[in-house]
């Protein structure tokens, strides 16, 4: 997920649900990296890995949907704070 998107960064900073989802997504990423760093996995760890990957994807999809909805709503009535600044 690209954090370079100014709208995404703004929404994560201002929307409680999106911030919560983003934090959960990051926590899952940390755990998945921990699992990936291990040389071998137990059957339970393999199952955990699959579950975490699915959950992380669900979170990403939900965040992308929220951002898409916000983008569509803001195109209908743009907010001056999110408009690009004219170059001098």
PDB file of N, CA and C in Angstrom:
ATOM      1  N   UNK A   1       0.842  -1.163   0.000  1.00  0.00           N
ATOM      2  CA  UNK A   1       0.000   0.000   0.000  1.00  0.00           C
ATOM      3  C   UNK A   1       0.889   1.228   0.000  1.00  0.00           C
ATOM      4  N   UNK A   2       0.575   2.142  -0.895  1.00  0.00           N
ATOM      5  CA  UNK A   2       1.412   3.325  -1.052  1.00  0.00           C
ATOM      6  C   UNK A   2       1.058   4.400  -0.041  1.00  0.00           C
ATOM      7  N   UNK A   3       2.012   4.774   0.782  1.00  0.00           N
ATOM      8  CA  UNK A   3       1.816   5.853   1.736  1.00  0.00           C
ATOM      9  C   UNK A   3       2.149   7.199   1.102  1.00  0.00           C
ATOM     10  N   UNK A   4       2.592   7.215  -0.172  1.00  0.00           N
ATOM     11  CA  UNK A   4       2.949   8.468  -0.825  1.00  0.00           C
ATOM     12  C   UNK A   4       1.716   9.201  -1.347  1.00  0.00           C
ATOM     13  N   UNK A   5       0.551   8.583  -1.304  1.00  0.00           N
ATOM     14  CA  UNK A   5      -0.691   9.205  -1.734  1.00  0.00           C
ATOM     15  C   UNK A   5      -1.104  10.225  -0.673  1.00  0.00           C
ATOM     16  N   UNK A   6      -1.157  11.520  -1.033  1.00  0.00           N
ATOM     17  CA  UNK A   6      -1.492  12.535  -0.024  1.00  0.00           C
ATOM     18  C   UNK A   6      -2.891  12.350   0.572  1.00  0.00           C
ATOM     19  N   UNK A   7      -3.846  11.907  -0.232  1.00  0.00           N
ATOM     20  CA  UNK A   7      -5.192  11.685   0.291  1.00  0.00           C
ATOM     21  C   UNK A   7      -5.174  10.561   1.318  1.00  0.00           C
ATOM     22  N   UNK A   8      -4.483   9.471   1.008  1.00  0.00           N
ATOM     23  CA  UNK A   8      -4.378   8.341   1.937  1.00  0.00           C
ATOM     24  C   UNK A   8      -3.750   8.801   3.251  1.00  0.00           C
ATOM     25  N   UNK A   9      -2.668   9.531   3.163  1.00  0.00           N
ATOM     26  CA  UNK A   9      -1.990  10.012   4.369  1.00  0.00           C
ATOM     27  C   UNK A   9      -2.912  10.926   5.176  1.00  0.00           C
ATOM     28  N   UNK A  10      -3.638  11.805   4.490  1.00  0.00           N
ATOM     29  CA  UNK A  10      -4.560  12.715   5.165  1.00  0.00           C
ATOM     30  C   UNK A  10      -5.656  11.928   5.885  1.00  0.00           C
ATOM     31  N   UNK A  11      -6.240  10.955   5.191  1.00  0.00           N
ATOM     32  CA  UNK A  11      -7.335  10.183   5.782  1.00  0.00           C
ATOM     33  C   UNK A  11      -6.875   9.330   6.951  1.00  0.00           C
ATOM     34  N   UNK A  12      -5.703   8.741   6.844  1.00  0.00           N
ATOM     35  CA  UNK A  12      -5.178   7.948   7.968  1.00  0.00           C
ATOM     36  C   UNK A  12      -4.946   8.850   9.167  1.00  0.00           C
ATOM     37  N   UNK A  13      -4.573  10.089   8.911  1.00  0.00           N
ATOM     38  CA  UNK A  13      -4.357  11.030  10.004  1.00  0.00           C
ATOM     39  C   UNK A  13      -5.631  11.586  10.603  1.00  0.00           C
ATOM     40  N   UNK A  14      -6.741  11.531   9.873  1.00  0.00           N
ATOM     41  CA  UNK A  14      -7.971  12.172  10.347  1.00  0.00           C
ATOM     42  C   UNK A  14      -9.142  11.223  10.570  1.00  0.00           C
ATOM     43  N   UNK A  15      -9.140  10.062   9.970  1.00  0.00           N
ATOM     44  CA  UNK A  15     -10.265   9.131  10.082  1.00  0.00           C
ATOM     45  C   UNK A  15      -9.900   8.012  11.058  1.00  0.00           C
ATOM     46  N   UNK A  16     -10.645   7.934  12.166  1.00  0.00           N
ATOM     47  CA  UNK A  16     -10.332   6.956  13.216  1.00  0.00           C
ATOM     48  C   UNK A  16     -10.395   5.514  12.722  1.00  0.00           C
ATOM     49  N   UNK A  17     -11.414   5.192  11.931  1.00  0.00           N
ATOM     50  CA  UNK A  17     -11.546   3.811  11.455  1.00  0.00           C
ATOM     51  C   UNK A  17     -10.405   3.453  10.511  1.00  0.00           C
ATOM     52  N   UNK A  18     -10.086   4.355   9.610  1.00  0.00           N
ATOM     53  CA  UNK A  18      -9.001   4.091   8.671  1.00  0.00           C
ATOM     54  C   UNK A  18      -7.662   3.973   9.405  1.00  0.00           C
ATOM     55  N   UNK A  19      -7.471   4.799  10.409  1.00  0.00           N
ATOM     56  CA  UNK A  19      -6.234   4.726  11.209  1.00  0.00           C
ATOM     57  C   UNK A  19      -6.151   3.380  11.932  1.00  0.00           C
ATOM     58  N   UNK A  20      -7.290   2.919  12.475  1.00  0.00           N
ATOM     59  CA  UNK A  20      -7.333   1.627  13.179  1.00  0.00           C
ATOM     60  C   UNK A  20      -7.036   0.481  12.212  1.00  0.00           C
ATOM     61  N   UNK A  21      -7.653   0.521  11.035  1.00  0.00           N
ATOM     62  CA  UNK A  21      -7.416  -0.521  10.036  1.00  0.00           C
ATOM     63  C   UNK A  21      -5.954  -0.522   9.584  1.00  0.00           C
ATOM     64  N   UNK A  22      -5.395   0.669   9.404  1.00  0.00           N
ATOM     65  CA  UNK A  22      -4.000   0.777   8.984  1.00  0.00           C
ATOM     66  C   UNK A  22      -3.058   0.210  10.058  1.00  0.00           C
ATOM     67  N   UNK A  23      -3.359   0.493  11.318  1.00  0.00           N
ATOM     68  CA  UNK A  23      -2.535  -0.040  12.412  1.00  0.00           C
ATOM     69  C   UNK A  23      -2.613  -1.567  12.453  1.00  0.00           C
ATOM     70  N   UNK A  24      -3.816  -2.112  12.264  1.00  0.00           N
ATOM     71  CA  UNK A  24      -3.961  -3.568  12.242  1.00  0.00           C
ATOM     72  C   UNK A  24      -3.185  -4.158  11.070  1.00  0.00           C
ATOM     73  N   UNK A  25      -3.262  -3.507   9.921  1.00  0.00           N
ATOM     74  CA  UNK A  25      -2.554  -3.958   8.720  1.00  0.00           C
ATOM     75  C   UNK A  25      -1.045  -3.998   8.990  1.00  0.00           C
ATOM     76  N   UNK A  26      -0.530  -2.969   9.647  1.00  0.00           N
ATOM     77  CA  UNK A  26       0.895  -2.917   9.966  1.00  0.00           C
ATOM     78  C   UNK A  26       1.283  -3.997  10.961  1.00  0.00           C
ATOM     79  N   UNK A  27       0.433  -4.263  11.946  1.00  0.00           N
ATOM     80  CA  UNK A  27       0.716  -5.309  12.925  1.00  0.00           C
ATOM     81  C   UNK A  27       0.783  -6.680  12.255  1.00  0.00           C
ATOM     82  N   UNK A  28      -0.142  -6.919  11.340  1.00  0.00           N
ATOM     83  CA  UNK A  28      -0.115  -8.186  10.618  1.00  0.00           C
ATOM     84  C   UNK A  28       1.147  -8.297   9.769  1.00  0.00           C
ATOM     85  N   UNK A  29       1.550  -7.198   9.169  1.00  0.00           N
ATOM     86  CA  UNK A  29       2.764  -7.191   8.359  1.00  0.00           C
ATOM     87  C   UNK A  29       3.982  -7.552   9.201  1.00  0.00           C
ATOM     88  N   UNK A  30       4.049  -7.008  10.406  1.00  0.00           N
ATOM     89  CA  UNK A  30       5.168  -7.315  11.308  1.00  0.00           C
ATOM     90  C   UNK A  30       5.194  -8.808  11.634  1.00  0.00           C
ATOM     91  N   UNK A  31       4.036  -9.361  11.972  1.00  0.00           N
ATOM     92  CA  UNK A  31       3.981 -10.794  12.319  1.00  0.00           C
ATOM     93  C   UNK A  31       4.318 -11.659  11.106  1.00  0.00           C
ATOM     94  N   UNK A  32       3.835 -11.277   9.925  1.00  0.00           N
ATOM     95  CA  UNK A  32       4.156 -12.048   8.722  1.00  0.00           C
ATOM     96  C   UNK A  32       5.654 -12.010   8.426  1.00  0.00           C
ATOM     97  N   UNK A  33       6.290 -10.894   8.689  1.00  0.00           N
ATOM     98  CA  UNK A  33       7.744 -10.805   8.497  1.00  0.00           C
ATOM     99  C   UNK A  33       8.474 -11.701   9.490  1.00  0.00           C
ATOM    100  N   UNK A  34       7.955 -11.749  10.724  1.00  0.00           N
ATOM    101  CA  UNK A  34       8.554 -12.638  11.729  1.00  0.00           C
ATOM    102  C   UNK A  34       8.478 -14.085  11.260  1.00  0.00           C
ATOM    103  N   UNK A  35       7.315 -14.474  10.781  1.00  0.00           N
ATOM    104  CA  UNK A  35       7.149 -15.841  10.302  1.00  0.00           C
ATOM    105  C   UNK A  35       8.044 -16.119   9.098  1.00  0.00           C
ATOM    106  N   UNK A  36       8.156 -15.147   8.206  1.00  0.00           N
ATOM    107  CA  UNK A  36       8.972 -15.329   7.004  1.00  0.00           C
ATOM    108  C   UNK A  36      10.456 -15.467   7.343  1.00  0.00           C
ATOM    109  N   UNK A  37      10.878 -14.884   8.449  1.00  0.00           N
ATOM    110  CA  UNK A  37      12.292 -14.939   8.812  1.00  0.00           C
ATOM    111  C   UNK A  37      12.698 -16.295   9.400  1.00  0.00           C
ATOM    112  N   UNK A  38      11.724 -17.108   9.763  1.00  0.00           N
ATOM    113  CA  UNK A  38      12.023 -18.430  10.332  1.00  0.00           C
ATOM    114  C   UNK A  38      12.380 -19.407   9.208  1.00  0.00           C
ATOM    115  N   UNK A  39      13.329 -20.283   9.497  1.00  0.00           N
ATOM    116  CA  UNK A  39      13.757 -21.259   8.504  1.00  0.00           C
ATOM    117  C   UNK A  39      12.743 -22.372   8.295  1.00  0.00           C
ATOM    118  N   UNK A  40      12.040 -22.736   9.353  1.00  0.00           N
ATOM    119  CA  UNK A  40      11.013 -23.777   9.222  1.00  0.00           C
ATOM    120  C   UNK A  40       9.799 -23.361  10.035  1.00  0.00           C
ATOM    121  N   UNK A  41       8.672 -23.962   9.677  1.00  0.00           N
ATOM    122  CA  UNK A  41       7.418 -23.611  10.339  1.00  0.00           C
ATOM    123  C   UNK A  41       6.695 -24.867  10.799  1.00  0.00           C
ATOM    124  N   UNK A  42       6.007 -24.738  11.914  1.00  0.00           N
ATOM    125  CA  UNK A  42       5.128 -25.816  12.365  1.00  0.00           C
ATOM    126  C   UNK A  42       3.843 -25.742  11.537  1.00  0.00           C
ATOM    127  N   UNK A  43       3.030 -26.757  11.644  1.00  0.00           N
ATOM    128  CA  UNK A  43       1.740 -26.755  10.941  1.00  0.00           C
ATOM    129  C   UNK A  43       0.880 -25.577  11.414  1.00  0.00           C
ATOM    130  N   UNK A  44       0.936 -25.296  12.714  1.00  0.00           N
ATOM    131  CA  UNK A  44       0.178 -24.154  13.250  1.00  0.00           C
ATOM    132  C   UNK A  44       0.682 -22.830  12.688  1.00  0.00           C
ATOM    133  N   UNK A  45       1.992 -22.695  12.548  1.00  0.00           N
ATOM    134  CA  UNK A  45       2.554 -21.460  11.985  1.00  0.00           C
ATOM    135  C   UNK A  45       2.187 -21.310  10.511  1.00  0.00           C
ATOM    136  N   UNK A  46       2.153 -22.416   9.784  1.00  0.00           N
ATOM    137  CA  UNK A  46       1.735 -22.365   8.373  1.00  0.00           C
ATOM    138  C   UNK A  46       0.287 -21.894   8.276  1.00  0.00           C
ATOM    139  N   UNK A  47      -0.540 -22.435   9.146  1.00  0.00           N
ATOM    140  CA  UNK A  47      -1.947 -22.045   9.150  1.00  0.00           C
ATOM    141  C   UNK A  47      -2.076 -20.575   9.550  1.00  0.00           C
ATOM    142  N   UNK A  48      -1.343 -20.159  10.572  1.00  0.00           N
ATOM    143  CA  UNK A  48      -1.359 -18.760  11.001  1.00  0.00           C
ATOM    144  C   UNK A  48      -0.942 -17.851   9.848  1.00  0.00           C
ATOM    145  N   UNK A  49       0.098 -18.250   9.128  1.00  0.00           N
ATOM    146  CA  UNK A  49       0.595 -17.466   8.001  1.00  0.00           C
ATOM    147  C   UNK A  49      -0.501 -17.244   6.964  1.00  0.00           C
ATOM    148  N   UNK A  50      -1.214 -18.307   6.611  1.00  0.00           N
ATOM    149  CA  UNK A  50      -2.296 -18.188   5.627  1.00  0.00           C
ATOM    150  C   UNK A  50      -3.433 -17.297   6.127  1.00  0.00           C
ATOM    151  N   UNK A  51      -3.798 -17.466   7.390  1.00  0.00           N
ATOM    152  CA  UNK A  51      -4.876 -16.669   7.970  1.00  0.00           C
ATOM    153  C   UNK A  51      -4.487 -15.194   8.016  1.00  0.00           C
ATOM    154  N   UNK A  52      -3.246 -14.923   8.429  1.00  0.00           N
ATOM    155  CA  UNK A  52      -2.784 -13.532   8.516  1.00  0.00           C
ATOM    156  C   UNK A  52      -2.724 -12.872   7.147  1.00  0.00           C
ATOM    157  N   UNK A  53      -2.278 -13.610   6.141  1.00  0.00           N
ATOM    158  CA  UNK A  53      -2.228 -13.057   4.786  1.00  0.00           C
ATOM    159  C   UNK A  53      -3.632 -12.701   4.286  1.00  0.00           C
ATOM    160  N   UNK A  54      -4.586 -13.576   4.538  1.00  0.00           N
ATOM    161  CA  UNK A  54      -5.967 -13.303   4.121  1.00  0.00           C
ATOM    162  C   UNK A  54      -6.531 -12.095   4.861  1.00  0.00           C
ATOM    163  N   UNK A  55      -6.291 -12.037   6.160  1.00  0.00           N
ATOM    164  CA  UNK A  55      -6.805 -10.920   6.961  1.00  0.00           C
ATOM    165  C   UNK A  55      -6.163  -9.603   6.521  1.00  0.00           C
ATOM    166  N   UNK A  56      -4.871  -9.638   6.251  1.00  0.00           N
ATOM    167  CA  UNK A  56      -4.170  -8.435   5.809  1.00  0.00           C
ATOM    168  C   UNK A  56      -4.748  -7.945   4.476  1.00  0.00           C
ATOM    169  N   UNK A  57      -5.028  -8.860   3.577  1.00  0.00           N
ATOM    170  CA  UNK A  57      -5.626  -8.501   2.295  1.00  0.00           C
ATOM    171  C   UNK A  57      -7.029  -7.935   2.481  1.00  0.00           C
ATOM    172  N   UNK A  58      -7.800  -8.515   3.393  1.00  0.00           N
ATOM    173  CA  UNK A  58      -9.134  -7.978   3.680  1.00  0.00           C
ATOM    174  C   UNK A  58      -9.053  -6.546   4.192  1.00  0.00           C
ATOM    175  N   UNK A  59      -8.105  -6.298   5.091  1.00  0.00           N
ATOM    176  CA  UNK A  59      -7.926  -4.945   5.621  1.00  0.00           C
ATOM    177  C   UNK A  59      -7.539  -3.977   4.511  1.00  0.00           C
ATOM    178  N   UNK A  60      -6.621  -4.395   3.660  1.00  0.00           N
ATOM    179  CA  UNK A  60      -6.191  -3.538   2.552  1.00  0.00           C
ATOM    180  C   UNK A  60      -7.370  -3.229   1.637  1.00  0.00           C
ATOM    181  N   UNK A  61      -8.146  -4.251   1.308  1.00  0.00           N
ATOM    182  CA  UNK A  61      -9.314  -4.041   0.450  1.00  0.00           C
ATOM    183  C   UNK A  61     -10.293  -3.060   1.089  1.00  0.00           C
ATOM    184  N   UNK A  62     -10.536  -3.208   2.391  1.00  0.00           N
ATOM    185  CA  UNK A  62     -11.465  -2.306   3.088  1.00  0.00           C
ATOM    186  C   UNK A  62     -10.941  -0.874   3.077  1.00  0.00           C
ATOM    187  N   UNK A  63      -9.649  -0.703   3.335  1.00  0.00           N
ATOM    188  CA  UNK A  63      -9.078   0.647   3.326  1.00  0.00           C
ATOM    189  C   UNK A  63      -9.158   1.265   1.929  1.00  0.00           C
ATOM    190  N   UNK A  64      -8.849   0.471   0.911  1.00  0.00           N
ATOM    191  CA  UNK A  64      -8.919   0.973  -0.461  1.00  0.00           C
ATOM    192  C   UNK A  64     -10.349   1.373  -0.822  1.00  0.00           C
ATOM    193  N   UNK A  65     -11.318   0.602  -0.365  1.00  0.00           N
ATOM    194  CA  UNK A  65     -12.726   0.926  -0.617  1.00  0.00           C
ATOM    195  C   UNK A  65     -13.104   2.240   0.064  1.00  0.00           C
ATOM    196  N   UNK A  66     -12.681   2.421   1.310  1.00  0.00           N
ATOM    197  CA  UNK A  66     -12.975   3.656   2.026  1.00  0.00           C
ATOM    198  C   UNK A  66     -12.350   4.858   1.318  1.00  0.00           C
ATOM    199  N   UNK A  67     -11.124   4.704   0.873  1.00  0.00           N
ATOM    200  CA  UNK A  67     -10.433   5.797   0.183  1.00  0.00           C
ATOM    201  C   UNK A  67     -11.111   6.094  -1.151  1.00  0.00           C
ATOM    202  N   UNK A  68     -11.506   5.041  -1.864  1.00  0.00           N
ATOM    203  CA  UNK A  68     -12.207   5.236  -3.134  1.00  0.00           C
ATOM    204  C   UNK A  68     -13.515   5.990  -2.914  1.00  0.00           C
ATOM    205  N   UNK A  69     -14.268   5.614  -1.887  1.00  0.00           N
ATOM    206  CA  UNK A  69     -15.533   6.288  -1.589  1.00  0.00           C
ATOM    207  C   UNK A  69     -15.294   7.757  -1.236  1.00  0.00           C
ATOM    208  N   UNK A  70     -14.263   8.020  -0.444  1.00  0.00           N
ATOM    209  CA  UNK A  70     -13.952   9.397  -0.076  1.00  0.00           C
ATOM    210  C   UNK A  70     -13.552  10.201  -1.313  1.00  0.00           C
ATOM    211  N   UNK A  71     -12.749   9.563  -2.180  1.00  0.00           N
ATOM    212  CA  UNK A  71     -12.302  10.226  -3.396  1.00  0.00           C
ATOM    213  C   UNK A  71     -13.498  10.596  -4.280  1.00  0.00           C
ATOM    214  N   UNK A  72     -14.421   9.653  -4.434  1.00  0.00           N
ATOM    215  CA  UNK A  72     -15.616   9.913  -5.242  1.00  0.00           C
ATOM    216  C   UNK A  72     -16.463  11.023  -4.641  1.00  0.00           C
ATOM    217  N   UNK A  73     -16.617  11.009  -3.323  1.00  0.00           N
ATOM    218  CA  UNK A  73     -17.395  12.046  -2.655  1.00  0.00           C
ATOM    219  C   UNK A  73     -16.715  13.409  -2.771  1.00  0.00           C
ATOM    220  N   UNK A  74     -15.403  13.426  -2.670  1.00  0.00           N
ATOM    221  CA  UNK A  74     -14.691  14.701  -2.730  1.00  0.00           C
ATOM    222  C   UNK A  74     -14.642  15.259  -4.152  1.00  0.00           C
ATOM    223  N   UNK A  75     -14.737  14.387  -5.161  1.00  0.00           N
ATOM    224  CA  UNK A  75     -14.802  14.868  -6.543  1.00  0.00           C
ATOM    225  C   UNK A  75     -16.120  15.579  -6.793  1.00  0.00           C
ATOM    226  N   UNK A  76     -17.168  15.136  -6.109  1.00  0.00           N
ATOM    227  CA  UNK A  76     -18.472  15.773  -6.253  1.00  0.00           C
ATOM    228  C   UNK A  76     -18.485  17.148  -5.580  1.00  0.00           C
ATOM    229  N   UNK A  77     -17.777  17.290  -4.457  1.00  0.00           N
ATOM    230  CA  UNK A  77     -17.678  18.574  -3.762  1.00  0.00           C
ATOM    231  C   UNK A  77     -16.273  18.697  -3.181  1.00  0.00           C
ATOM    232  N   UNK A  78     -15.303  19.128  -3.996  1.00  0.00           N
ATOM    233  CA  UNK A  78     -13.906  19.160  -3.553  1.00  0.00           C
ATOM    234  C   UNK A  78     -13.664  20.082  -2.363  1.00  0.00           C
ATOM    235  N   UNK A  79     -12.824  19.611  -1.480  1.00  0.00           N
ATOM    236  CA  UNK A  79     -12.422  20.395  -0.308  1.00  0.00           C
ATOM    237  C   UNK A  79     -11.173  21.189  -0.657  1.00  0.00           C
ATOM    238  N   UNK A  80     -11.149  22.465  -0.353  1.00  0.00           N
ATOM    239  CA  UNK A  80      -9.963  23.278  -0.680  1.00  0.00           C
ATOM    240  C   UNK A  80      -8.691  22.768  -0.049  1.00  0.00           C
ATOM    241  N   UNK A  81      -8.788  22.135   1.108  1.00  0.00           N
ATOM    242  CA  UNK A  81      -7.576  21.640   1.789  1.00  0.00           C
ATOM    243  C   UNK A  81      -6.925  20.510   1.034  1.00  0.00           C
ATOM    244  N   UNK A  82      -7.681  19.784   0.201  1.00  0.00           N
ATOM    245  CA  UNK A  82      -7.127  18.649  -0.515  1.00  0.00           C
ATOM    246  C   UNK A  82      -6.838  18.961  -1.971  1.00  0.00           C
ATOM    247  N   UNK A  83      -7.067  20.187  -2.397  1.00  0.00           N
ATOM    248  CA  UNK A  83      -6.809  20.571  -3.771  1.00  0.00           C
ATOM    249  C   UNK A  83      -5.314  20.840  -3.961  1.00  0.00           C
ATOM    250  N   UNK A  84      -4.774  20.509  -5.142  1.00  0.00           N
ATOM    251  CA  UNK A  84      -3.368  20.820  -5.395  1.00  0.00           C
ATOM    252  C   UNK A  84      -3.136  22.321  -5.393  1.00  0.00           C
ATOM    253  N   UNK A  85      -1.991  22.706  -4.880  1.00  0.00           N
ATOM    254  CA  UNK A  85      -1.646  24.125  -4.852  1.00  0.00           C
ATOM    255  C   UNK A  85      -1.115  24.546  -6.211  1.00  0.00           C
ATOM    256  N   UNK A  86      -1.546  25.703  -6.708  1.00  0.00           N
ATOM    257  CA  UNK A  86      -1.031  26.178  -7.992  1.00  0.00           C
ATOM    258  C   UNK A  86       0.458  26.499  -7.879  1.00  0.00           C
ATOM    259  N   UNK A  87       1.176  26.177  -8.929  1.00  0.00           N
ATOM    260  CA  UNK A  87       2.623  26.450  -8.918  1.00  0.00           C
ATOM    261  C   UNK A  87       2.863  27.909  -9.302  1.00  0.00           C
ATOM    262  N   UNK A  88       3.807  28.524  -8.613  1.00  0.00           N
ATOM    263  CA  UNK A  88       4.125  29.927  -8.901  1.00  0.00           C
ATOM    264  C   UNK A  88       5.136  30.042 -10.002  1.00  0.00           C
TER     265      UNK A  88
END
